[in-house]
Amino acid sequence: MFGDFDDTERCPAHNSEAEVALGFASGKAALQSGRRSVPSLVMAGRDFAAVVRKRERIELATRHGS
């Protein structure tokens, strides 16, 4: 999201937080619109949750040196 001239990420934690906020805002907008596919929204939510869980496992493993 935000980076240096060579696309090196400067603030990974802030960028991740911004991406999650954007995802929630997009989801909220999708739910408030008159046109939505509930199965599609459920699938997207599951995909999002899976990515968050995977990243959390990687982060914990990195912190603990595993």
N, C-alpha and C. Protein backbone atom coordinates (compact mmCIF):
# COMPACT_ATOMS: atom_id res chain seq x y z
N MET A 1 0.83 -1.18 0.00
CA MET A 1 0.00 0.00 0.00
C MET A 1 0.88 1.25 0.00
N PHE A 2 1.66 1.46 1.04
CA PHE A 2 2.55 2.60 1.10
C PHE A 2 3.98 2.08 1.12
N GLY A 3 4.81 2.66 0.28
CA GLY A 3 6.17 2.17 0.22
C GLY A 3 7.12 3.22 -0.31
N ASP A 4 8.36 2.84 -0.38
CA ASP A 4 9.39 3.71 -0.92
C ASP A 4 9.31 3.72 -2.44
N PHE A 5 10.19 4.48 -3.05
CA PHE A 5 10.22 4.61 -4.51
C PHE A 5 10.40 3.26 -5.21
N ASP A 6 11.03 2.30 -4.53
CA ASP A 6 11.26 0.98 -5.13
C ASP A 6 10.23 -0.05 -4.68
N ASP A 7 9.12 0.42 -4.12
CA ASP A 7 8.01 -0.42 -3.64
C ASP A 7 8.35 -1.23 -2.39
N THR A 8 9.45 -0.89 -1.71
CA THR A 8 9.76 -1.53 -0.44
C THR A 8 8.74 -1.04 0.59
N GLU A 9 8.10 -1.97 1.24
CA GLU A 9 7.08 -1.62 2.23
C GLU A 9 7.75 -1.03 3.47
N ARG A 10 7.35 0.18 3.86
CA ARG A 10 7.96 0.85 5.00
C ARG A 10 7.26 0.54 6.31
N CYS A 11 5.97 0.42 6.28
CA CYS A 11 5.20 0.22 7.51
C CYS A 11 4.26 -0.97 7.34
N PRO A 12 4.78 -2.19 7.38
CA PRO A 12 3.93 -3.35 7.11
C PRO A 12 2.73 -3.46 8.05
N ALA A 13 2.92 -3.15 9.33
CA ALA A 13 1.81 -3.26 10.28
C ALA A 13 0.71 -2.26 9.94
N HIS A 14 1.09 -1.03 9.64
CA HIS A 14 0.10 -0.02 9.29
C HIS A 14 -0.60 -0.37 7.98
N ASN A 15 0.18 -0.86 7.03
CA ASN A 15 -0.41 -1.26 5.75
C ASN A 15 -1.41 -2.39 5.92
N SER A 16 -1.08 -3.36 6.75
CA SER A 16 -1.99 -4.49 6.99
C SER A 16 -3.27 -4.00 7.65
N GLU A 17 -3.13 -3.11 8.61
CA GLU A 17 -4.31 -2.57 9.29
C GLU A 17 -5.20 -1.82 8.29
N ALA A 18 -4.58 -1.05 7.41
CA ALA A 18 -5.34 -0.30 6.41
C ALA A 18 -6.05 -1.24 5.45
N GLU A 19 -5.39 -2.33 5.06
CA GLU A 19 -6.00 -3.29 4.15
C GLU A 19 -7.19 -3.99 4.79
N VAL A 20 -7.08 -4.32 6.07
CA VAL A 20 -8.20 -4.95 6.78
C VAL A 20 -9.36 -3.96 6.88
N ALA A 21 -9.07 -2.72 7.22
CA ALA A 21 -10.13 -1.70 7.30
C ALA A 21 -10.82 -1.52 5.96
N LEU A 22 -10.04 -1.51 4.89
CA LEU A 22 -10.61 -1.39 3.56
C LEU A 22 -11.49 -2.59 3.23
N GLY A 23 -11.04 -3.78 3.62
CA GLY A 23 -11.84 -4.98 3.39
C GLY A 23 -13.16 -4.93 4.13
N PHE A 24 -13.14 -4.48 5.37
CA PHE A 24 -14.38 -4.37 6.14
C PHE A 24 -15.31 -3.32 5.53
N ALA A 25 -14.73 -2.20 5.10
CA ALA A 25 -15.55 -1.15 4.49
C ALA A 25 -16.19 -1.67 3.20
N SER A 26 -15.43 -2.42 2.42
CA SER A 26 -15.98 -2.99 1.18
C SER A 26 -17.08 -3.99 1.48
N GLY A 27 -16.86 -4.81 2.50
CA GLY A 27 -17.87 -5.79 2.89
C GLY A 27 -19.14 -5.12 3.38
N LYS A 28 -18.98 -4.07 4.16
CA LYS A 28 -20.13 -3.33 4.66
C LYS A 28 -20.92 -2.73 3.51
N ALA A 29 -20.20 -2.15 2.54
CA ALA A 29 -20.86 -1.56 1.37
C ALA A 29 -21.60 -2.64 0.58
N ALA A 30 -21.00 -3.81 0.46
CA ALA A 30 -21.64 -4.90 -0.28
C ALA A 30 -22.92 -5.35 0.41
N LEU A 31 -22.89 -5.41 1.74
CA LEU A 31 -24.07 -5.84 2.47
C LEU A 31 -25.19 -4.80 2.42
N GLN A 32 -24.83 -3.53 2.31
CA GLN A 32 -25.83 -2.47 2.29
C GLN A 32 -26.43 -2.24 0.91
N SER A 33 -25.77 -2.76 -0.12
CA SER A 33 -26.29 -2.56 -1.47
C SER A 33 -27.51 -3.45 -1.69
N GLY A 34 -28.32 -3.07 -2.63
CA GLY A 34 -29.51 -3.86 -2.94
C GLY A 34 -29.18 -5.14 -3.69
N ARG A 35 -28.04 -5.16 -4.35
CA ARG A 35 -27.64 -6.32 -5.14
C ARG A 35 -26.51 -7.04 -4.42
N ARG A 36 -26.76 -8.27 -4.03
CA ARG A 36 -25.69 -9.05 -3.41
C ARG A 36 -26.01 -10.54 -3.56
N SER A 37 -24.96 -11.29 -3.59
CA SER A 37 -25.08 -12.73 -3.66
C SER A 37 -24.58 -13.28 -2.33
N VAL A 38 -25.48 -13.74 -1.50
CA VAL A 38 -25.09 -14.22 -0.18
C VAL A 38 -24.05 -15.34 -0.27
N PRO A 39 -24.23 -16.33 -1.12
CA PRO A 39 -23.20 -17.37 -1.22
C PRO A 39 -21.82 -16.81 -1.59
N SER A 40 -21.82 -15.82 -2.49
CA SER A 40 -20.55 -15.20 -2.88
C SER A 40 -19.92 -14.45 -1.72
N LEU A 41 -20.75 -13.74 -0.95
CA LEU A 41 -20.24 -13.01 0.22
C LEU A 41 -19.71 -13.97 1.28
N VAL A 42 -20.38 -15.08 1.48
CA VAL A 42 -19.92 -16.09 2.44
C VAL A 42 -18.58 -16.65 2.00
N MET A 43 -18.46 -16.95 0.71
CA MET A 43 -17.22 -17.49 0.19
C MET A 43 -16.08 -16.48 0.37
N ALA A 44 -16.34 -15.23 0.06
CA ALA A 44 -15.31 -14.20 0.21
C ALA A 44 -14.92 -14.04 1.67
N GLY A 45 -15.89 -14.11 2.57
CA GLY A 45 -15.59 -14.02 4.00
C GLY A 45 -14.74 -15.19 4.48
N ARG A 46 -15.04 -16.36 4.00
CA ARG A 46 -14.23 -17.54 4.36
C ARG A 46 -12.81 -17.42 3.82
N ASP A 47 -12.70 -16.95 2.59
CA ASP A 47 -11.37 -16.75 2.01
C ASP A 47 -10.57 -15.75 2.83
N PHE A 48 -11.21 -14.66 3.21
CA PHE A 48 -10.55 -13.63 4.01
C PHE A 48 -10.10 -14.20 5.35
N ALA A 49 -10.97 -14.94 6.01
CA ALA A 49 -10.63 -15.54 7.30
C ALA A 49 -9.46 -16.51 7.17
N ALA A 50 -9.44 -17.28 6.08
CA ALA A 50 -8.34 -18.23 5.87
C ALA A 50 -7.01 -17.51 5.69
N VAL A 51 -7.03 -16.41 4.95
CA VAL A 51 -5.80 -15.63 4.74
C VAL A 51 -5.32 -15.05 6.06
N VAL A 52 -6.23 -14.53 6.87
CA VAL A 52 -5.86 -13.95 8.16
C VAL A 52 -5.26 -15.02 9.06
N ARG A 53 -5.89 -16.20 9.11
CA ARG A 53 -5.35 -17.28 9.95
C ARG A 53 -3.97 -17.71 9.49
N LYS A 54 -3.78 -17.83 8.17
CA LYS A 54 -2.49 -18.24 7.63
C LYS A 54 -1.41 -17.22 7.96
N ARG A 55 -1.72 -15.96 7.78
CA ARG A 55 -0.73 -14.91 8.07
C ARG A 55 -0.40 -14.86 9.56
N GLU A 56 -1.41 -15.11 10.39
CA GLU A 56 -1.18 -15.11 11.84
C GLU A 56 -0.24 -16.25 12.22
N ARG A 57 -0.44 -17.43 11.62
CA ARG A 57 0.44 -18.57 11.91
C ARG A 57 1.87 -18.26 11.47
N ILE A 58 2.02 -17.66 10.30
CA ILE A 58 3.35 -17.31 9.80
C ILE A 58 4.00 -16.29 10.73
N GLU A 59 3.25 -15.30 11.15
CA GLU A 59 3.80 -14.27 12.04
C GLU A 59 4.22 -14.87 13.37
N LEU A 60 3.39 -15.72 13.93
CA LEU A 60 3.74 -16.35 15.22
C LEU A 60 4.96 -17.22 15.08
N ALA A 61 5.06 -17.98 13.98
CA ALA A 61 6.22 -18.83 13.75
C ALA A 61 7.49 -18.00 13.60
N THR A 62 7.36 -16.86 12.94
CA THR A 62 8.51 -15.97 12.75
C THR A 62 8.97 -15.38 14.07
N ARG A 63 8.02 -15.01 14.90
CA ARG A 63 8.35 -14.42 16.21
C ARG A 63 9.05 -15.43 17.11
N HIS A 64 8.62 -16.68 17.06
CA HIS A 64 9.14 -17.71 17.95
C HIS A 64 10.30 -18.49 17.34
N GLY A 65 10.70 -18.12 16.14
CA GLY A 65 11.85 -18.76 15.50
C GLY A 65 11.62 -20.19 15.06
N SER A 66 10.38 -20.56 14.86
CA SER A 66 10.07 -21.94 14.41
C SER A 66 10.09 -22.04 12.93
